[in-house]
Amino acid sequence: MKILVAIAFILIIGSLGSALFYLMRDRGGSKRTVRALALRVGFSVLLFVLILAANRLGYIQPTGLR
């Protein structure tokens, strides 16, 4: 489970980096920046759902910190 979360974080950071690259390179002239940011939001939502499902199925446990 830790590996899946780490991969999701890497995908999110990579998508954010590509959005920055397209923003600087295209100067707002194309829709690639918007597409990369939308992909980042999709990865973030997917990660959130993955963590909720893993918690529900018992793959991860709360640490007890309150």
Protein backbone atom coordinates (compact mmCIF):
# COMPACT_ATOMS: atom_id res chain seq x y z
CA MET A 1 0.00 0.00 0.00
CA LYS A 2 2.86 2.36 0.80
CA ILE A 3 4.26 1.84 -2.68
CA LEU A 4 0.94 2.77 -4.32
CA VAL A 5 0.69 5.96 -2.26
CA ALA A 6 4.29 6.87 -3.11
CA ILE A 7 3.64 6.28 -6.82
CA ALA A 8 0.52 8.45 -6.66
CA PHE A 9 2.49 11.26 -5.00
CA ILE A 10 5.16 11.03 -7.68
CA LEU A 11 2.49 11.24 -10.40
CA ILE A 12 0.92 14.28 -8.73
CA ILE A 13 4.27 16.08 -8.44
CA GLY A 14 5.21 15.13 -12.00
CA SER A 15 1.94 16.47 -13.36
CA LEU A 16 2.40 19.71 -11.43
CA GLY A 17 5.93 20.03 -12.81
CA SER A 18 4.76 19.47 -16.38
CA ALA A 19 2.05 22.11 -15.90
CA LEU A 20 4.71 24.58 -14.78
CA PHE A 21 6.88 23.66 -17.76
CA TYR A 22 4.01 24.16 -20.23
CA LEU A 23 3.03 27.42 -18.54
CA MET A 24 6.53 28.82 -18.92
CA ARG A 25 7.11 27.46 -22.42
CA ASP A 26 3.77 28.25 -24.08
CA ARG A 27 3.06 31.53 -22.25
CA GLY A 28 -0.61 30.61 -21.97
CA GLY A 29 -1.01 30.01 -25.69
CA SER A 30 -2.13 26.39 -25.46
CA LYS A 31 -4.37 24.21 -23.34
CA ARG A 32 -1.59 21.86 -22.23
CA THR A 33 -1.22 23.64 -18.88
CA VAL A 34 -4.92 23.26 -18.12
CA ARG A 35 -4.82 19.61 -19.17
CA ALA A 36 -1.81 18.91 -16.90
CA LEU A 37 -3.48 20.64 -13.94
CA ALA A 38 -6.70 18.73 -14.54
CA LEU A 39 -4.68 15.52 -14.57
CA ARG A 40 -3.11 16.53 -11.25
CA VAL A 41 -6.54 17.06 -9.72
CA GLY A 42 -7.62 13.67 -11.03
CA PHE A 43 -4.56 11.98 -9.49
CA SER A 44 -5.24 13.75 -6.18
CA VAL A 45 -8.86 12.57 -6.11
CA LEU A 46 -7.74 9.06 -7.04
CA LEU A 47 -5.20 9.06 -4.19
CA PHE A 48 -7.87 10.23 -1.72
CA VAL A 49 -10.28 7.49 -2.83
CA LEU A 50 -7.48 4.92 -2.69
CA ILE A 51 -6.63 5.87 0.90
CA LEU A 52 -10.30 5.76 1.93
CA ALA A 53 -10.78 2.34 0.32
CA ALA A 54 -7.58 0.97 1.89
CA ASN A 55 -8.74 2.15 5.29
CA ARG A 56 -12.19 0.62 4.82
CA LEU A 57 -10.73 -2.72 3.64
CA GLY A 58 -8.19 -2.83 6.46
CA TYR A 59 -5.02 -2.48 4.39
CA ILE A 60 -3.98 0.52 6.47
CA GLN A 61 -4.73 1.21 10.11
CA PRO A 62 -5.12 4.50 11.98
CA THR A 63 -2.16 5.22 14.25
CA GLY A 64 -4.22 6.20 17.27
CA LEU A 65 -2.89 9.75 17.45
CA ARG A 66 -5.59 12.15 18.57
